[in-house]
Amino acid sequence: MTPQVIEQTFPIIVHIGTQLLNSPPAPLTLQSPEVPYFLHLILKIYKSTLVSTLSQHQRSPESIVPWGQLLFAVVNIRVPAEALPQDESERERSEWWKAKKWAYGTLARLFHKFGSPSQLPSVMQEYMPFAEHFVTTFAPEIIKTYIQQVDLYTSGQVWLSQKCQYLIFLFFSEW
C-alpha cells in the first residue's frame, strides 16, 4: 500500500472504528453483529500494513495515538457472556473475539517489529525514534492493560481466547 493511500484513508478508517465503539445505540449484547465484524476488518487492514514497513504517517503521533486508543479500547471491551456462544471453540471464532485477537496481534506486531529498540535490526535503524517513543509511551500502557486483562481472567470476570492468552504471554516474555 502506498504511503499516500495510508495517509489519506487511515484517519477515516480509525475514525469509523472509534465511532463503532463509542456510539452504539444499545448494549453490546443487542448491537448489530456488524459492529464486531467491521472492527475485525478495520484491525485486519491496519495490521496487514505492518508486515514490512511502518510509513512516516503511521509513525506520527497523529496516527499512532488514535490507532493505539482504538486497539486498547477493543482489548478492553467486556463482551457479555450472553453475546457469545457457550461452546469455547465457537466462542474463539466469534466476531468479537476475532476483533479482540486482531487488536492483541496488532499491538504485538507493533512492539516486536517496530517498537522495541533492543530488538530493532541494524537495517531498521530508521525506526529507532519511533521505537524509543513506543517503548516509553505505549509499552507501559500495553503492560497495564494486559495485567488488567489477566487479573479479570484469573478472577473469572472475563474469558480470554487461547490466542489472546498466547499474545499476552508473548508480550510479557519479550518485555
C-alpha atoms as a PDB file:
ATOM      1  CA  MET A   1       0.000   0.000   0.000  1.00  0.00           C
ATOM      2  CA  THR A   2       1.439   3.357  -0.923  1.00  0.00           C
ATOM      3  CA  PRO A   3       2.155   5.884   1.815  1.00  0.00           C
ATOM      4  CA  GLN A   4      -0.280   8.352   0.210  1.00  0.00           C
ATOM      5  CA  VAL A   5      -3.142   5.867   0.399  1.00  0.00           C
ATOM      6  CA  ILE A   6      -2.369   5.191   4.059  1.00  0.00           C
ATOM      7  CA  GLU A   7      -2.123   8.892   4.856  1.00  0.00           C
ATOM      8  CA  GLN A   8      -5.426   9.666   3.139  1.00  0.00           C
ATOM      9  CA  THR A   9      -7.531   6.692   4.221  1.00  0.00           C
ATOM     10  CA  PHE A  10      -6.293   5.564   7.629  1.00  0.00           C
ATOM     11  CA  PRO A  11      -7.562   8.619   9.526  1.00  0.00           C
ATOM     12  CA  ILE A  12     -11.024   7.869   8.103  1.00  0.00           C
ATOM     13  CA  ILE A  13     -10.772   4.152   8.893  1.00  0.00           C
ATOM     14  CA  VAL A  14      -9.666   4.694  12.510  1.00  0.00           C
ATOM     15  CA  HIS A  15     -12.449   7.263  12.944  1.00  0.00           C
ATOM     16  CA  ILE A  16     -15.025   4.729  11.734  1.00  0.00           C
ATOM     17  CA  GLY A  17     -13.655   2.127  14.173  1.00  0.00           C
ATOM     18  CA  THR A  18     -13.762   4.600  17.035  1.00  0.00           C
ATOM     19  CA  GLN A  19     -17.323   5.601  16.158  1.00  0.00           C
ATOM     20  CA  LEU A  20     -18.369   1.947  16.118  1.00  0.00           C
ATOM     21  CA  LEU A  21     -17.142   1.616  19.706  1.00  0.00           C
ATOM     22  CA  ASN A  22     -18.228   4.991  21.044  1.00  0.00           C
ATOM     23  CA  SER A  23     -21.730   5.385  19.731  1.00  0.00           C
ATOM     24  CA  PRO A  24     -23.567   2.090  19.898  1.00  0.00           C
ATOM     25  CA  PRO A  25     -27.304   2.581  20.272  1.00  0.00           C
ATOM     26  CA  ALA A  26     -27.638  -0.404  22.607  1.00  0.00           C
ATOM     27  CA  PRO A  27     -25.580  -2.570  24.964  1.00  0.00           C
ATOM     28  CA  LEU A  28     -23.075  -4.931  23.358  1.00  0.00           C
ATOM     29  CA  THR A  29     -25.491  -7.851  23.656  1.00  0.00           C
ATOM     30  CA  LEU A  30     -28.075  -6.095  21.491  1.00  0.00           C
ATOM     31  CA  GLN A  31     -25.777  -4.461  18.950  1.00  0.00           C
ATOM     32  CA  SER A  32     -25.832  -5.341  15.342  1.00  0.00           C
ATOM     33  CA  PRO A  33     -23.478  -8.245  14.584  1.00  0.00           C
ATOM     34  CA  GLU A  34     -21.854  -5.988  12.003  1.00  0.00           C
ATOM     35  CA  VAL A  35     -20.087  -3.946  14.707  1.00  0.00           C
ATOM     36  CA  PRO A  36     -17.557  -6.623  15.703  1.00  0.00           C
ATOM     37  CA  TYR A  37     -17.282  -7.730  12.078  1.00  0.00           C
ATOM     38  CA  PHE A  38     -16.309  -4.242  10.903  1.00  0.00           C
ATOM     39  CA  LEU A  39     -13.927  -3.779  13.847  1.00  0.00           C
ATOM     40  CA  HIS A  40     -12.313  -7.090  12.906  1.00  0.00           C
ATOM     41  CA  LEU A  41     -11.878  -5.917   9.292  1.00  0.00           C
ATOM     42  CA  ILE A  42     -10.562  -2.485  10.293  1.00  0.00           C
ATOM     43  CA  LEU A  43      -7.934  -4.005  12.575  1.00  0.00           C
ATOM     44  CA  LYS A  44      -7.025  -6.608   9.976  1.00  0.00           C
ATOM     45  CA  ILE A  45      -6.445  -3.841   7.403  1.00  0.00           C
ATOM     46  CA  TYR A  46      -4.222  -1.908   9.790  1.00  0.00           C
ATOM     47  CA  LYS A  47      -2.187  -4.924  10.901  1.00  0.00           C
ATOM     48  CA  SER A  48      -1.730  -6.036   7.291  1.00  0.00           C
ATOM     49  CA  THR A  49       0.112  -2.797   6.519  1.00  0.00           C
ATOM     50  CA  LEU A  50       2.639  -3.540   9.274  1.00  0.00           C
ATOM     51  CA  VAL A  51       4.171  -6.564   7.567  1.00  0.00           C
ATOM     52  CA  SER A  52       7.374  -4.959   6.353  1.00  0.00           C
ATOM     53  CA  THR A  53       7.308  -1.214   6.936  1.00  0.00           C
ATOM     54  CA  LEU A  54       5.718   1.479   9.027  1.00  0.00           C
ATOM     55  CA  SER A  55       5.043   4.563   6.940  1.00  0.00           C
ATOM     56  CA  GLN A  56       6.045   8.016   8.146  1.00  0.00           C
ATOM     57  CA  HIS A  57       2.355   8.766   8.640  1.00  0.00           C
ATOM     58  CA  GLN A  58       1.859   5.640  10.782  1.00  0.00           C
ATOM     59  CA  ARG A  59       4.823   6.652  12.946  1.00  0.00           C
ATOM     60  CA  SER A  60       3.400  10.118  13.603  1.00  0.00           C
ATOM     61  CA  PRO A  61       1.523  10.897  16.834  1.00  0.00           C
ATOM     62  CA  GLU A  62      -1.459  11.987  14.704  1.00  0.00           C
ATOM     63  CA  SER A  63      -1.742   8.386  13.509  1.00  0.00           C
ATOM     64  CA  ILE A  64      -0.359   6.137  16.234  1.00  0.00           C
ATOM     65  CA  VAL A  65      -2.338   7.752  19.070  1.00  0.00           C
ATOM     66  CA  PRO A  66      -5.835   7.202  17.610  1.00  0.00           C
ATOM     67  CA  TRP A  67      -4.899   3.722  16.416  1.00  0.00           C
ATOM     68  CA  GLY A  68      -3.458   2.898  19.835  1.00  0.00           C
ATOM     69  CA  GLN A  69      -6.612   4.170  21.519  1.00  0.00           C
ATOM     70  CA  LEU A  70      -8.732   2.003  19.241  1.00  0.00           C
ATOM     71  CA  LEU A  71      -6.573  -1.074  19.864  1.00  0.00           C
ATOM     72  CA  PHE A  72      -6.709  -0.602  23.654  1.00  0.00           C
ATOM     73  CA  ALA A  73     -10.461   0.019  23.525  1.00  0.00           C
ATOM     74  CA  VAL A  74     -11.043  -3.233  21.635  1.00  0.00           C
ATOM     75  CA  VAL A  75      -8.802  -5.188  24.032  1.00  0.00           C
ATOM     76  CA  ASN A  76     -10.729  -3.692  26.975  1.00  0.00           C
ATOM     77  CA  ILE A  77     -14.203  -4.486  25.651  1.00  0.00           C
ATOM     78  CA  ARG A  78     -16.018  -6.704  28.108  1.00  0.00           C
ATOM     79  CA  VAL A  79     -18.219  -8.799  25.903  1.00  0.00           C
ATOM     80  CA  PRO A  80     -21.126 -10.112  27.980  1.00  0.00           C
ATOM     81  CA  ALA A  81     -21.405 -13.893  28.136  1.00  0.00           C
ATOM     82  CA  GLU A  82     -24.875 -13.751  26.596  1.00  0.00           C
ATOM     83  CA  ALA A  83     -23.388 -12.150  23.470  1.00  0.00           C
ATOM     84  CA  LEU A  84     -21.082 -15.123  22.925  1.00  0.00           C
ATOM     85  CA  PRO A  85     -21.609 -18.791  22.086  1.00  0.00           C
ATOM     86  CA  GLN A  86     -21.431 -21.195  25.038  1.00  0.00           C
ATOM     87  CA  ASP A  87     -19.073 -23.586  23.242  1.00  0.00           C
ATOM     88  CA  GLU A  88     -15.453 -22.415  23.679  1.00  0.00           C
ATOM     89  CA  SER A  89     -14.375 -23.364  20.158  1.00  0.00           C
ATOM     90  CA  GLU A  90     -17.324 -21.410  18.741  1.00  0.00           C
ATOM     91  CA  ARG A  91     -16.549 -18.515  21.079  1.00  0.00           C
ATOM     92  CA  GLU A  92     -12.968 -18.412  19.743  1.00  0.00           C
ATOM     93  CA  ARG A  93     -14.434 -17.942  16.260  1.00  0.00           C
ATOM     94  CA  SER A  94     -16.992 -15.288  17.212  1.00  0.00           C
ATOM     95  CA  GLU A  95     -16.598 -11.877  15.611  1.00  0.00           C
ATOM     96  CA  TRP A  96     -15.992 -10.179  18.969  1.00  0.00           C
ATOM     97  CA  TRP A  97     -13.053 -12.473  19.660  1.00  0.00           C
ATOM     98  CA  LYS A  98     -11.759 -12.111  16.122  1.00  0.00           C
ATOM     99  CA  ALA A  99     -11.710  -8.352  16.638  1.00  0.00           C
ATOM    100  CA  LYS A 100     -10.018  -8.727  20.030  1.00  0.00           C
ATOM    101  CA  LYS A 101      -7.475 -11.185  18.592  1.00  0.00           C
ATOM    102  CA  TRP A 102      -6.545  -8.696  15.848  1.00  0.00           C
ATOM    103  CA  ALA A 103      -6.170  -5.917  18.431  1.00  0.00           C
ATOM    104  CA  TYR A 104      -3.833  -8.051  20.549  1.00  0.00           C
ATOM    105  CA  GLY A 105      -1.986  -9.198  17.429  1.00  0.00           C
ATOM    106  CA  THR A 106      -1.527  -5.661  16.152  1.00  0.00           C
ATOM    107  CA  LEU A 107      -0.123  -4.449  19.462  1.00  0.00           C
ATOM    108  CA  ALA A 108       2.235  -7.430  19.392  1.00  0.00           C
ATOM    109  CA  ARG A 109       3.403  -6.692  15.859  1.00  0.00           C
ATOM    110  CA  LEU A 110       3.932  -3.004  16.593  1.00  0.00           C
ATOM    111  CA  PHE A 111       6.040  -3.841  19.627  1.00  0.00           C
ATOM    112  CA  HIS A 112       8.016  -6.783  18.241  1.00  0.00           C
ATOM    113  CA  LYS A 113       8.716  -5.381  14.797  1.00  0.00           C
ATOM    114  CA  PHE A 114       8.969  -1.612  15.301  1.00  0.00           C
ATOM    115  CA  GLY A 115       8.559  -0.672  18.952  1.00  0.00           C
ATOM    116  CA  SER A 116      11.404  -2.292  20.845  1.00  0.00           C
ATOM    117  CA  PRO A 117      14.747  -0.500  20.452  1.00  0.00           C
ATOM    118  CA  SER A 118      16.711  -3.511  21.677  1.00  0.00           C
ATOM    119  CA  GLN A 119      15.126  -5.775  19.043  1.00  0.00           C
ATOM    120  CA  LEU A 120      15.490  -3.488  16.010  1.00  0.00           C
ATOM    121  CA  PRO A 121      17.870  -4.963  13.440  1.00  0.00           C
ATOM    122  CA  SER A 122      20.589  -2.658  12.151  1.00  0.00           C
ATOM    123  CA  VAL A 123      18.835  -2.367   8.763  1.00  0.00           C
ATOM    124  CA  MET A 124      15.803  -0.861  10.530  1.00  0.00           C
ATOM    125  CA  GLN A 125      17.538   1.920  12.445  1.00  0.00           C
ATOM    126  CA  GLU A 126      15.281   4.479  10.775  1.00  0.00           C
ATOM    127  CA  TYR A 127      12.595   3.257  13.196  1.00  0.00           C
ATOM    128  CA  MET A 128      14.681   3.988  16.304  1.00  0.00           C
ATOM    129  CA  PRO A 129      12.923   7.276  17.215  1.00  0.00           C
ATOM    130  CA  PHE A 130       9.552   5.536  16.860  1.00  0.00           C
ATOM    131  CA  ALA A 131      10.778   2.546  18.873  1.00  0.00           C
ATOM    132  CA  GLU A 132      12.091   4.748  21.678  1.00  0.00           C
ATOM    133  CA  HIS A 133       8.797   6.628  21.825  1.00  0.00           C
ATOM    134  CA  PHE A 134       6.755   3.428  21.616  1.00  0.00           C
ATOM    135  CA  VAL A 135       8.668   1.632  24.369  1.00  0.00           C
ATOM    136  CA  THR A 136       8.333   4.575  26.763  1.00  0.00           C
ATOM    137  CA  THR A 137       4.760   5.603  25.912  1.00  0.00           C
ATOM    138  CA  PHE A 138       2.806   2.645  24.539  1.00  0.00           C
ATOM    139  CA  ALA A 139       4.543  -0.372  26.052  1.00  0.00           C
ATOM    140  CA  PRO A 140       3.726   0.648  29.664  1.00  0.00           C
ATOM    141  CA  GLU A 141       0.068   1.002  28.617  1.00  0.00           C
ATOM    142  CA  ILE A 142       0.188  -2.433  27.000  1.00  0.00           C
ATOM    143  CA  ILE A 143       1.605  -3.901  30.223  1.00  0.00           C
ATOM    144  CA  LYS A 144      -1.032  -2.161  32.334  1.00  0.00           C
ATOM    145  CA  THR A 145      -3.849  -3.261  30.028  1.00  0.00           C
ATOM    146  CA  TYR A 146      -2.609  -6.852  29.827  1.00  0.00           C
ATOM    147  CA  ILE A 147      -2.191  -7.105  33.607  1.00  0.00           C
ATOM    148  CA  GLN A 148      -5.788  -5.900  33.974  1.00  0.00           C
ATOM    149  CA  GLN A 149      -6.966  -8.492  31.451  1.00  0.00           C
ATOM    150  CA  VAL A 150      -5.068 -11.288  33.206  1.00  0.00           C
ATOM    151  CA  ASP A 151      -6.483 -10.168  36.562  1.00  0.00           C
ATOM    152  CA  LEU A 152     -10.033 -10.173  35.162  1.00  0.00           C
ATOM    153  CA  TYR A 153      -9.452 -13.578  33.578  1.00  0.00           C
ATOM    154  CA  THR A 154      -7.985 -15.207  36.695  1.00  0.00           C
ATOM    155  CA  SER A 155     -10.829 -13.836  38.827  1.00  0.00           C
ATOM    156  CA  GLY A 156     -13.377 -15.293  36.394  1.00  0.00           C
ATOM    157  CA  GLN A 157     -14.777 -11.918  35.333  1.00  0.00           C
ATOM    158  CA  VAL A 158     -13.846 -12.278  31.657  1.00  0.00           C
ATOM    159  CA  TRP A 159     -12.988 -15.030  29.244  1.00  0.00           C
ATOM    160  CA  LEU A 160      -9.836 -14.840  27.102  1.00  0.00           C
ATOM    161  CA  SER A 161      -9.352 -16.841  23.932  1.00  0.00           C
ATOM    162  CA  GLN A 162      -6.310 -19.087  23.739  1.00  0.00           C
ATOM    163  CA  LYS A 163      -4.797 -16.868  21.032  1.00  0.00           C
ATOM    164  CA  CYS A 164      -5.188 -13.749  23.193  1.00  0.00           C
ATOM    165  CA  GLN A 165      -3.670 -15.561  26.177  1.00  0.00           C
ATOM    166  CA  TYR A 166      -0.729 -16.551  23.972  1.00  0.00           C
ATOM    167  CA  LEU A 167      -0.234 -12.968  22.731  1.00  0.00           C
ATOM    168  CA  ILE A 168      -0.287 -11.651  26.319  1.00  0.00           C
ATOM    169  CA  PHE A 169       2.268 -14.263  27.373  1.00  0.00           C
ATOM    170  CA  LEU A 170       4.436 -13.492  24.335  1.00  0.00           C
ATOM    171  CA  PHE A 171       4.477  -9.781  25.152  1.00  0.00           C
ATOM    172  CA  PHE A 172       5.385 -10.430  28.800  1.00  0.00           C
ATOM    173  CA  SER A 173       8.130 -12.890  27.846  1.00  0.00           C
ATOM    174  CA  GLU A 174       9.734 -10.470  25.376  1.00  0.00           C
ATOM    175  CA  TRP A 175       9.327  -7.373  27.529  1.00  0.00           C
END
